[in-house]
Amino acid sequence: MDWVERFVATAHKRLNNGKPITANTIKNYTSTLTKLKDFEESQNTKYRFEDIDLNFHRDFIFFCREKYGLNNNSIGSLINRIKTLCRNIEFRRLSNQSKI
């Protein structure tokens, strides 16, 4: 999850609605990254951005319930953070294409 690591590492430089990203948000991103790394290890797979699909979604939810005993709200928060990561990657790709 190199792309997630880059996102978390540069989070302090970005703005959210015109304001710096808070330390708590960065902590939540770091927690999400940890769970994603554990998931990769348990699946014996190195996930790329392109691998994030409904199968990933289903398997990740199952993993979070089984390994961490998380409830639906906690898992939903993780999924929302993953969506944020994916939207950021999509935005960067679109902005890079427009420069060409």
PDB file of N, CA and C in Angstrom:
ATOM      1  N   MET A   1       0.824  -1.184   0.000  1.00  0.00           N
ATOM      2  CA  MET A   1       0.000   0.000   0.000  1.00  0.00           C
ATOM      3  C   MET A   1       0.873   1.255   0.000  1.00  0.00           C
ATOM      4  N   ASP A   2       1.814   1.283  -0.908  1.00  0.00           N
ATOM      5  CA  ASP A   2       2.708   2.438  -1.004  1.00  0.00           C
ATOM      6  C   ASP A   2       1.931   3.731  -1.229  1.00  0.00           C
ATOM      7  N   TRP A   3       0.880   3.664  -2.018  1.00  0.00           N
ATOM      8  CA  TRP A   3       0.093   4.856  -2.319  1.00  0.00           C
ATOM      9  C   TRP A   3      -0.602   5.385  -1.065  1.00  0.00           C
ATOM     10  N   VAL A   4      -0.996   4.505  -0.157  1.00  0.00           N
ATOM     11  CA  VAL A   4      -1.604   4.940   1.100  1.00  0.00           C
ATOM     12  C   VAL A   4      -0.536   5.546   2.005  1.00  0.00           C
ATOM     13  N   GLU A   5       0.627   4.924   2.042  1.00  0.00           N
ATOM     14  CA  GLU A   5       1.725   5.459   2.852  1.00  0.00           C
ATOM     15  C   GLU A   5       2.101   6.873   2.407  1.00  0.00           C
ATOM     16  N   ARG A   6       2.149   7.096   1.101  1.00  0.00           N
ATOM     17  CA  ARG A   6       2.451   8.448   0.591  1.00  0.00           C
ATOM     18  C   ARG A   6       1.359   9.436   0.996  1.00  0.00           C
ATOM     19  N   PHE A   7       0.111   9.004   0.909  1.00  0.00           N
ATOM     20  CA  PHE A   7      -1.012   9.865   1.286  1.00  0.00           C
ATOM     21  C   PHE A   7      -0.909  10.277   2.749  1.00  0.00           C
ATOM     22  N   VAL A   8      -0.643   9.312   3.621  1.00  0.00           N
ATOM     23  CA  VAL A   8      -0.542   9.591   5.062  1.00  0.00           C
ATOM     24  C   VAL A   8       0.678  10.463   5.346  1.00  0.00           C
ATOM     25  N   ALA A   9       1.788  10.172   4.709  1.00  0.00           N
ATOM     26  CA  ALA A   9       3.027  10.922   4.954  1.00  0.00           C
ATOM     27  C   ALA A   9       2.915  12.393   4.550  1.00  0.00           C
ATOM     28  N   THR A  10       2.083  12.673   3.548  1.00  0.00           N
ATOM     29  CA  THR A  10       1.950  14.053   3.082  1.00  0.00           C
ATOM     30  C   THR A  10       0.671  14.728   3.579  1.00  0.00           C
ATOM     31  N   ALA A  11      -0.073  14.069   4.450  1.00  0.00           N
ATOM     32  CA  ALA A  11      -1.363  14.601   4.924  1.00  0.00           C
ATOM     33  C   ALA A  11      -1.205  15.956   5.605  1.00  0.00           C
ATOM     34  N   HIS A  12      -0.137  16.142   6.339  1.00  0.00           N
ATOM     35  CA  HIS A  12       0.054  17.402   7.067  1.00  0.00           C
ATOM     36  C   HIS A  12       0.240  18.602   6.129  1.00  0.00           C
ATOM     37  N   LYS A  13       0.524  18.345   4.855  1.00  0.00           N
ATOM     38  CA  LYS A  13       0.737  19.423   3.890  1.00  0.00           C
ATOM     39  C   LYS A  13      -0.544  19.820   3.158  1.00  0.00           C
ATOM     40  N   ARG A  14      -1.601  19.012   3.311  1.00  0.00           N
ATOM     41  CA  ARG A  14      -2.835  19.258   2.560  1.00  0.00           C
ATOM     42  C   ARG A  14      -3.850  20.027   3.382  1.00  0.00           C
ATOM     43  N   LEU A  15      -4.827  20.576   2.652  1.00  0.00           N
ATOM     44  CA  LEU A  15      -5.928  21.294   3.286  1.00  0.00           C
ATOM     45  C   LEU A  15      -7.215  20.515   3.064  1.00  0.00           C
ATOM     46  N   ASN A  16      -8.122  20.635   4.032  1.00  0.00           N
ATOM     47  CA  ASN A  16      -9.449  20.061   3.918  1.00  0.00           C
ATOM     48  C   ASN A  16     -10.444  21.185   4.159  1.00  0.00           C
ATOM     49  N   ASN A  17     -11.187  21.556   3.130  1.00  0.00           N
ATOM     50  CA  ASN A  17     -12.113  22.697   3.213  1.00  0.00           C
ATOM     51  C   ASN A  17     -11.382  23.970   3.627  1.00  0.00           C
ATOM     52  N   GLY A  18     -10.177  24.153   3.129  1.00  0.00           N
ATOM     53  CA  GLY A  18      -9.418  25.365   3.391  1.00  0.00           C
ATOM     54  C   GLY A  18      -8.663  25.380   4.709  1.00  0.00           C
ATOM     55  N   LYS A  19      -8.755  24.300   5.476  1.00  0.00           N
ATOM     56  CA  LYS A  19      -8.078  24.232   6.771  1.00  0.00           C
ATOM     57  C   LYS A  19      -7.088  23.073   6.767  1.00  0.00           C
ATOM     58  N   PRO A  20      -6.011  23.212   7.537  1.00  0.00           N
ATOM     59  CA  PRO A  20      -5.046  22.107   7.614  1.00  0.00           C
ATOM     60  C   PRO A  20      -5.703  20.846   8.185  1.00  0.00           C
ATOM     61  N   ILE A  21      -5.239  19.721   7.734  1.00  0.00           N
ATOM     62  CA  ILE A  21      -5.734  18.447   8.262  1.00  0.00           C
ATOM     63  C   ILE A  21      -5.245  18.311   9.697  1.00  0.00           C
ATOM     64  N   THR A  22      -6.160  17.951  10.593  1.00  0.00           N
ATOM     65  CA  THR A  22      -5.843  17.905  12.020  1.00  0.00           C
ATOM     66  C   THR A  22      -5.005  16.673  12.372  1.00  0.00           C
ATOM     67  N   ALA A  23      -4.383  16.748  13.531  1.00  0.00           N
ATOM     68  CA  ALA A  23      -3.569  15.634  14.027  1.00  0.00           C
ATOM     69  C   ALA A  23      -4.432  14.383  14.231  1.00  0.00           C
ATOM     70  N   ASN A  24      -5.674  14.561  14.690  1.00  0.00           N
ATOM     71  CA  ASN A  24      -6.562  13.411  14.885  1.00  0.00           C
ATOM     72  C   ASN A  24      -6.905  12.733  13.564  1.00  0.00           C
ATOM     73  N   THR A  25      -7.097  13.526  12.525  1.00  0.00           N
ATOM     74  CA  THR A  25      -7.387  12.952  11.207  1.00  0.00           C
ATOM     75  C   THR A  25      -6.181  12.162  10.709  1.00  0.00           C
ATOM     76  N   ILE A  26      -5.002  12.710  10.886  1.00  0.00           N
ATOM     77  CA  ILE A  26      -3.785  12.001  10.476  1.00  0.00           C
ATOM     78  C   ILE A  26      -3.635  10.714  11.283  1.00  0.00           C
ATOM     79  N   LYS A  27      -3.975  10.765  12.555  1.00  0.00           N
ATOM     80  CA  LYS A  27      -3.936   9.563  13.401  1.00  0.00           C
ATOM     81  C   LYS A  27      -4.917   8.514  12.863  1.00  0.00           C
ATOM     82  N   ASN A  28      -6.113   8.953  12.448  1.00  0.00           N
ATOM     83  CA  ASN A  28      -7.090   8.027  11.874  1.00  0.00           C
ATOM     84  C   ASN A  28      -6.580   7.427  10.566  1.00  0.00           C
ATOM     85  N   TYR A  29      -5.924   8.244   9.738  1.00  0.00           N
ATOM     86  CA  TYR A  29      -5.336   7.734   8.501  1.00  0.00           C
ATOM     87  C   TYR A  29      -4.269   6.685   8.815  1.00  0.00           C
ATOM     88  N   THR A  30      -3.461   6.949   9.817  1.00  0.00           N
ATOM     89  CA  THR A  30      -2.400   6.014  10.204  1.00  0.00           C
ATOM     90  C   THR A  30      -2.997   4.694  10.695  1.00  0.00           C
ATOM     91  N   SER A  31      -4.063   4.782  11.472  1.00  0.00           N
ATOM     92  CA  SER A  31      -4.750   3.582  11.948  1.00  0.00           C
ATOM     93  C   SER A  31      -5.315   2.782  10.779  1.00  0.00           C
ATOM     94  N   THR A  32      -5.880   3.481   9.813  1.00  0.00           N
ATOM     95  CA  THR A  32      -6.412   2.814   8.619  1.00  0.00           C
ATOM     96  C   THR A  32      -5.285   2.133   7.860  1.00  0.00           C
ATOM     97  N   LEU A  33      -4.158   2.819   7.723  1.00  0.00           N
ATOM     98  CA  LEU A  33      -3.001   2.242   7.038  1.00  0.00           C
ATOM     99  C   LEU A  33      -2.544   0.960   7.731  1.00  0.00           C
ATOM    100  N   THR A  34      -2.503   0.966   9.051  1.00  0.00           N
ATOM    101  CA  THR A  34      -2.095  -0.216   9.812  1.00  0.00           C
ATOM    102  C   THR A  34      -3.023  -1.390   9.526  1.00  0.00           C
ATOM    103  N   LYS A  35      -4.319  -1.129   9.529  1.00  0.00           N
ATOM    104  CA  LYS A  35      -5.282  -2.202   9.257  1.00  0.00           C
ATOM    105  C   LYS A  35      -5.163  -2.693   7.820  1.00  0.00           C
ATOM    106  N   LEU A  36      -4.915  -1.781   6.893  1.00  0.00           N
ATOM    107  CA  LEU A  36      -4.732  -2.193   5.505  1.00  0.00           C
ATOM    108  C   LEU A  36      -3.484  -3.057   5.342  1.00  0.00           C
ATOM    109  N   LYS A  37      -2.419  -2.712   6.035  1.00  0.00           N
ATOM    110  CA  LYS A  37      -1.189  -3.520   5.970  1.00  0.00           C
ATOM    111  C   LYS A  37      -1.433  -4.908   6.564  1.00  0.00           C
ATOM    112  N   ASP A  38      -2.146  -4.958   7.695  1.00  0.00           N
ATOM    113  CA  ASP A  38      -2.493  -6.259   8.293  1.00  0.00           C
ATOM    114  C   ASP A  38      -3.335  -7.085   7.333  1.00  0.00           C
ATOM    115  N   PHE A  39      -4.255  -6.411   6.654  1.00  0.00           N
ATOM    116  CA  PHE A  39      -5.115  -7.100   5.689  1.00  0.00           C
ATOM    117  C   PHE A  39      -4.287  -7.655   4.538  1.00  0.00           C
ATOM    118  N   GLU A  40      -3.366  -6.848   4.020  1.00  0.00           N
ATOM    119  CA  GLU A  40      -2.478  -7.317   2.951  1.00  0.00           C
ATOM    120  C   GLU A  40      -1.708  -8.561   3.396  1.00  0.00           C
ATOM    121  N   GLU A  41      -1.186  -8.488   4.601  1.00  0.00           N
ATOM    122  CA  GLU A  41      -0.405  -9.614   5.119  1.00  0.00           C
ATOM    123  C   GLU A  41      -1.267 -10.866   5.258  1.00  0.00           C
ATOM    124  N   SER A  42      -2.489 -10.693   5.748  1.00  0.00           N
ATOM    125  CA  SER A  42      -3.368 -11.857   5.931  1.00  0.00           C
ATOM    126  C   SER A  42      -3.802 -12.453   4.591  1.00  0.00           C
ATOM    127  N   GLN A  43      -3.898 -11.625   3.569  1.00  0.00           N
ATOM    128  CA  GLN A  43      -4.313 -12.084   2.243  1.00  0.00           C
ATOM    129  C   GLN A  43      -3.120 -12.513   1.380  1.00  0.00           C
ATOM    130  N   ASN A  44      -1.916 -12.251   1.873  1.00  0.00           N
ATOM    131  CA  ASN A  44      -0.701 -12.571   1.114  1.00  0.00           C
ATOM    132  C   ASN A  44      -0.701 -11.884  -0.249  1.00  0.00           C
ATOM    133  N   THR A  45      -1.172 -10.639  -0.255  1.00  0.00           N
ATOM    134  CA  THR A  45      -1.315  -9.873  -1.494  1.00  0.00           C
ATOM    135  C   THR A  45      -0.882  -8.442  -1.247  1.00  0.00           C
ATOM    136  N   LYS A  46      -0.233  -7.859  -2.217  1.00  0.00           N
ATOM    137  CA  LYS A  46       0.111  -6.441  -2.160  1.00  0.00           C
ATOM    138  C   LYS A  46      -0.895  -5.712  -3.034  1.00  0.00           C
ATOM    139  N   TYR A  47      -1.785  -4.955  -2.402  1.00  0.00           N
ATOM    140  CA  TYR A  47      -2.863  -4.288  -3.130  1.00  0.00           C
ATOM    141  C   TYR A  47      -2.385  -2.985  -3.763  1.00  0.00           C
ATOM    142  N   ARG A  48      -2.851  -2.779  -4.981  1.00  0.00           N
ATOM    143  CA  ARG A  48      -2.635  -1.520  -5.677  1.00  0.00           C
ATOM    144  C   ARG A  48      -3.963  -0.776  -5.707  1.00  0.00           C
ATOM    145  N   PHE A  49      -3.908   0.473  -6.081  1.00  0.00           N
ATOM    146  CA  PHE A  49      -5.128   1.272  -6.170  1.00  0.00           C
ATOM    147  C   PHE A  49      -6.168   0.586  -7.060  1.00  0.00           C
ATOM    148  N   GLU A  50      -5.724   0.006  -8.156  1.00  0.00           N
ATOM    149  CA  GLU A  50      -6.621  -0.630  -9.116  1.00  0.00           C
ATOM    150  C   GLU A  50      -7.314  -1.863  -8.541  1.00  0.00           C
ATOM    151  N   ASP A  51      -6.798  -2.400  -7.451  1.00  0.00           N
ATOM    152  CA  ASP A  51      -7.360  -3.608  -6.841  1.00  0.00           C
ATOM    153  C   ASP A  51      -8.513  -3.321  -5.876  1.00  0.00           C
ATOM    154  N   ILE A  52      -8.781  -2.058  -5.622  1.00  0.00           N
ATOM    155  CA  ILE A  52      -9.843  -1.700  -4.691  1.00  0.00           C
ATOM    156  C   ILE A  52     -11.176  -1.808  -5.436  1.00  0.00           C
ATOM    157  N   ASP A  53     -11.906  -2.886  -5.143  1.00  0.00           N
ATOM    158  CA  ASP A  53     -13.187  -3.128  -5.793  1.00  0.00           C
ATOM    159  C   ASP A  53     -14.141  -3.759  -4.777  1.00  0.00           C
ATOM    160  N   LEU A  54     -15.270  -4.253  -5.257  1.00  0.00           N
ATOM    161  CA  LEU A  54     -16.257  -4.833  -4.342  1.00  0.00           C
ATOM    162  C   LEU A  54     -15.743  -6.089  -3.643  1.00  0.00           C
ATOM    163  N   ASN A  55     -14.905  -6.855  -4.314  1.00  0.00           N
ATOM    164  CA  ASN A  55     -14.320  -8.035  -3.660  1.00  0.00           C
ATOM    165  C   ASN A  55     -13.407  -7.612  -2.520  1.00  0.00           C
ATOM    166  N   PHE A  56     -12.593  -6.589  -2.761  1.00  0.00           N
ATOM    167  CA  PHE A  56     -11.742  -6.043  -1.704  1.00  0.00           C
ATOM    168  C   PHE A  56     -12.622  -5.573  -0.544  1.00  0.00           C
ATOM    169  N   HIS A  57     -13.663  -4.837  -0.853  1.00  0.00           N
ATOM    170  CA  HIS A  57     -14.594  -4.293   0.140  1.00  0.00           C
ATOM    171  C   HIS A  57     -15.158  -5.415   1.018  1.00  0.00           C
ATOM    172  N   ARG A  58     -15.678  -6.446   0.391  1.00  0.00           N
ATOM    173  CA  ARG A  58     -16.259  -7.579   1.124  1.00  0.00           C
ATOM    174  C   ARG A  58     -15.216  -8.264   2.012  1.00  0.00           C
ATOM    175  N   ASP A  59     -14.058  -8.548   1.436  1.00  0.00           N
ATOM    176  CA  ASP A  59     -13.011  -9.250   2.183  1.00  0.00           C
ATOM    177  C   ASP A  59     -12.466  -8.400   3.328  1.00  0.00           C
ATOM    178  N   PHE A  60     -12.330  -7.092   3.097  1.00  0.00           N
ATOM    179  CA  PHE A  60     -11.813  -6.204   4.140  1.00  0.00           C
ATOM    180  C   PHE A  60     -12.797  -6.108   5.308  1.00  0.00           C
ATOM    181  N   ILE A  61     -14.088  -6.018   5.006  1.00  0.00           N
ATOM    182  CA  ILE A  61     -15.098  -5.979   6.071  1.00  0.00           C
ATOM    183  C   ILE A  61     -15.045  -7.257   6.892  1.00  0.00           C
ATOM    184  N   PHE A  62     -14.991  -8.402   6.223  1.00  0.00           N
ATOM    185  CA  PHE A  62     -14.907  -9.684   6.927  1.00  0.00           C
ATOM    186  C   PHE A  62     -13.663  -9.733   7.812  1.00  0.00           C
ATOM    187  N   PHE A  63     -12.531  -9.296   7.267  1.00  0.00           N
ATOM    188  CA  PHE A  63     -11.270  -9.275   8.014  1.00  0.00           C
ATOM    189  C   PHE A  63     -11.390  -8.407   9.268  1.00  0.00           C
ATOM    190  N   CYS A  64     -11.949  -7.215   9.132  1.00  0.00           N
ATOM    191  CA  CYS A  64     -12.074  -6.301  10.274  1.00  0.00           C
ATOM    192  C   CYS A  64     -12.977  -6.874  11.361  1.00  0.00           C
ATOM    193  N   ARG A  65     -14.027  -7.556  10.956  1.00  0.00           N
ATOM    194  CA  ARG A  65     -14.918  -8.187  11.944  1.00  0.00           C
ATOM    195  C   ARG A  65     -14.221  -9.335  12.654  1.00  0.00           C
ATOM    196  N   GLU A  66     -13.534 -10.181  11.874  1.00  0.00           N
ATOM    197  CA  GLU A  66     -12.915 -11.378  12.438  1.00  0.00           C
ATOM    198  C   GLU A  66     -11.676 -11.061  13.278  1.00  0.00           C
ATOM    199  N   LYS A  67     -10.771 -10.258  12.739  1.00  0.00           N
ATOM    200  CA  LYS A  67      -9.498 -10.012  13.445  1.00  0.00           C
ATOM    201  C   LYS A  67      -9.639  -8.989  14.559  1.00  0.00           C
ATOM    202  N   TYR A  68     -10.355  -7.895  14.294  1.00  0.00           N
ATOM    203  CA  TYR A  68     -10.419  -6.803  15.258  1.00  0.00           C
ATOM    204  C   TYR A  68     -11.733  -6.751  16.032  1.00  0.00           C
ATOM    205  N   GLY A  69     -12.724  -7.512  15.602  1.00  0.00           N
ATOM    206  CA  GLY A  69     -14.021  -7.491  16.270  1.00  0.00           C
ATOM    207  C   GLY A  69     -14.719  -6.144  16.157  1.00  0.00           C
ATOM    208  N   LEU A  70     -14.487  -5.447  15.049  1.00  0.00           N
ATOM    209  CA  LEU A  70     -15.062  -4.110  14.882  1.00  0.00           C
ATOM    210  C   LEU A  70     -16.548  -4.184  14.562  1.00  0.00           C
ATOM    211  N   ASN A  71     -17.281  -3.165  15.004  1.00  0.00           N
ATOM    212  CA  ASN A  71     -18.704  -3.097  14.689  1.00  0.00           C
ATOM    213  C   ASN A  71     -18.907  -2.366  13.361  1.00  0.00           C
ATOM    214  N   ASN A  72     -20.147  -2.308  12.917  1.00  0.00           N
ATOM    215  CA  ASN A  72     -20.451  -1.708  11.614  1.00  0.00           C
ATOM    216  C   ASN A  72     -20.029  -0.253  11.518  1.00  0.00           C
ATOM    217  N   ASN A  73     -20.218   0.525  12.601  1.00  0.00           N
ATOM    218  CA  ASN A  73     -19.844   1.939  12.558  1.00  0.00           C
ATOM    219  C   ASN A  73     -18.342   2.121  12.396  1.00  0.00           C
ATOM    220  N   SER A  74     -17.563   1.337  13.117  1.00  0.00           N
ATOM    221  CA  SER A  74     -16.101   1.432  13.013  1.00  0.00           C
ATOM    222  C   SER A  74     -15.621   1.015  11.626  1.00  0.00           C
ATOM    223  N   ILE A  75     -16.199  -0.059  11.108  1.00  0.00           N
ATOM    224  CA  ILE A  75     -15.827  -0.516   9.771  1.00  0.00           C
ATOM    225  C   ILE A  75     -16.239   0.529   8.741  1.00  0.00           C
ATOM    226  N   GLY A  76     -17.412   1.133   8.922  1.00  0.00           N
ATOM    227  CA  GLY A  76     -17.868   2.183   8.016  1.00  0.00           C
ATOM    228  C   GLY A  76     -16.918   3.363   7.992  1.00  0.00           C
ATOM    229  N   SER A  77     -16.379   3.720   9.153  1.00  0.00           N
ATOM    230  CA  SER A  77     -15.401   4.810   9.214  1.00  0.00           C
ATOM    231  C   SER A  77     -14.135   4.451   8.430  1.00  0.00           C
ATOM    232  N   LEU A  78     -13.678   3.213   8.573  1.00  0.00           N
ATOM    233  CA  LEU A  78     -12.505   2.766   7.815  1.00  0.00           C
ATOM    234  C   LEU A  78     -12.776   2.819   6.311  1.00  0.00           C
ATOM    235  N   ILE A  79     -13.939   2.343   5.909  1.00  0.00           N
ATOM    236  CA  ILE A  79     -14.300   2.349   4.491  1.00  0.00           C
ATOM    237  C   ILE A  79     -14.357   3.784   3.971  1.00  0.00           C
ATOM    238  N   ASN A  80     -14.915   4.684   4.764  1.00  0.00           N
ATOM    239  CA  ASN A  80     -14.965   6.093   4.343  1.00  0.00           C
ATOM    240  C   ASN A  80     -13.570   6.677   4.161  1.00  0.00           C
ATOM    241  N   ARG A  81     -12.644   6.317   5.046  1.00  0.00           N
ATOM    242  CA  ARG A  81     -11.268   6.802   4.901  1.00  0.00           C
ATOM    243  C   ARG A  81     -10.615   6.225   3.649  1.00  0.00           C
ATOM    244  N   ILE A  82     -10.891   4.949   3.371  1.00  0.00           N
ATOM    245  CA  ILE A  82     -10.348   4.334   2.160  1.00  0.00           C
ATOM    246  C   ILE A  82     -10.915   5.037   0.925  1.00  0.00           C
ATOM    247  N   LYS A  83     -12.199   5.382   0.967  1.00  0.00           N
ATOM    248  CA  LYS A  83     -12.804   6.128  -0.140  1.00  0.00           C
ATOM    249  C   LYS A  83     -12.111   7.477  -0.323  1.00  0.00           C
ATOM    250  N   THR A  84     -11.803   8.134   0.790  1.00  0.00           N
ATOM    251  CA  THR A  84     -11.094   9.413   0.721  1.00  0.00           C
ATOM    252  C   THR A  84      -9.740   9.225   0.045  1.00  0.00           C
ATOM    253  N   LEU A  85      -9.031   8.166   0.419  1.00  0.00           N
ATOM    254  CA  LEU A  85      -7.739   7.871  -0.203  1.00  0.00           C
ATOM    255  C   LEU A  85      -7.912   7.667  -1.706  1.00  0.00           C
ATOM    256  N   CYS A  86      -8.918   6.908  -2.087  1.00  0.00           N
ATOM    257  CA  CYS A  86      -9.142   6.607  -3.503  1.00  0.00           C
ATOM    258  C   CYS A  86      -9.527   7.864  -4.283  1.00  0.00           C
ATOM    259  N   ARG A  87     -10.383   8.708  -3.698  1.00  0.00           N
ATOM    260  CA  ARG A  87     -10.761   9.953  -4.376  1.00  0.00           C
ATOM    261  C   ARG A  87      -9.543  10.836  -4.588  1.00  0.00           C
ATOM    262  N   ASN A  88      -8.659  10.872  -3.596  1.00  0.00           N
ATOM    263  CA  ASN A  88      -7.443  11.675  -3.722  1.00  0.00           C
ATOM    264  C   ASN A  88      -6.571  11.166  -4.856  1.00  0.00           C
ATOM    265  N   ILE A  89      -6.440   9.859  -4.968  1.00  0.00           N
ATOM    266  CA  ILE A  89      -5.638   9.264  -6.037  1.00  0.00           C
ATOM    267  C   ILE A  89      -6.274   9.578  -7.385  1.00  0.00           C
ATOM    268  N   GLU A  90      -7.599   9.433  -7.484  1.00  0.00           N
ATOM    269  CA  GLU A  90      -8.300   9.738  -8.737  1.00  0.00           C
ATOM    270  C   GLU A  90      -8.104  11.203  -9.115  1.00  0.00           C
ATOM    271  N   PHE A  91      -8.226  12.099  -8.147  1.00  0.00           N
ATOM    272  CA  PHE A  91      -8.055  13.521  -8.402  1.00  0.00           C
ATOM    273  C   PHE A  91      -6.651  13.813  -8.917  1.00  0.00           C
ATOM    274  N   ARG A  92      -5.659  13.189  -8.294  1.00  0.00           N
ATOM    275  CA  ARG A  92      -4.274  13.409  -8.723  1.00  0.00           C
ATOM    276  C   ARG A  92      -4.055  12.901 -10.148  1.00  0.00           C
ATOM    277  N   ARG A  93      -4.651  11.758 -10.471  1.00  0.00           N
ATOM    278  CA  ARG A  93      -4.515  11.224 -11.833  1.00  0.00           C
ATOM    279  C   ARG A  93      -5.158  12.152 -12.841  1.00  0.00           C
ATOM    280  N   LEU A  94      -6.359  12.652 -12.523  1.00  0.00           N
ATOM    281  CA  LEU A  94      -7.052  13.550 -13.436  1.00  0.00           C
ATOM    282  C   LEU A  94      -6.286  14.847 -13.608  1.00  0.00           C
ATOM    283  N   SER A  95      -5.750  15.382 -12.519  1.00  0.00           N
ATOM    284  CA  SER A  95      -5.014  16.643 -12.621  1.00  0.00           C
ATOM    285  C   SER A  95      -3.701  16.442 -13.363  1.00  0.00           C
ATOM    286  N   ASN A  96      -3.075  15.282 -13.213  1.00  0.00           N
ATOM    287  CA  ASN A  96      -1.841  15.012 -13.946  1.00  0.00           C
ATOM    288  C   ASN A  96      -2.122  14.845 -15.445  1.00  0.00           C
ATOM    289  N   GLN A  97      -3.246  14.249 -15.791  1.00  0.00           N
ATOM    290  CA  GLN A  97      -3.605  14.085 -17.197  1.00  0.00           C
ATOM    291  C   GLN A  97      -3.914  15.413 -17.859  1.00  0.00           C
ATOM    292  N   SER A  98      -4.500  16.348 -17.097  1.00  0.00           N
ATOM    293  CA  SER A  98      -4.845  17.634 -17.672  1.00  0.00           C
ATOM    294  C   SER A  98      -3.596  18.486 -17.960  1.00  0.00           C
ATOM    295  N   LYS A  99      -2.479  18.151 -17.339  1.00  0.00           N
ATOM    296  CA  LYS A  99      -1.226  18.880 -17.577  1.00  0.00           C
ATOM    297  C   LYS A  99      -0.564  18.463 -18.872  1.00  0.00           C
ATOM    298  N   ILE A 100      -0.971  17.328 -19.394  1.00  0.00           N
ATOM    299  CA  ILE A 100      -0.337  16.790 -20.618  1.00  0.00           C
ATOM    300  C   ILE A 100      -0.808  17.540 -21.842  1.00  0.00           C
TER     301      ILE A 100
END
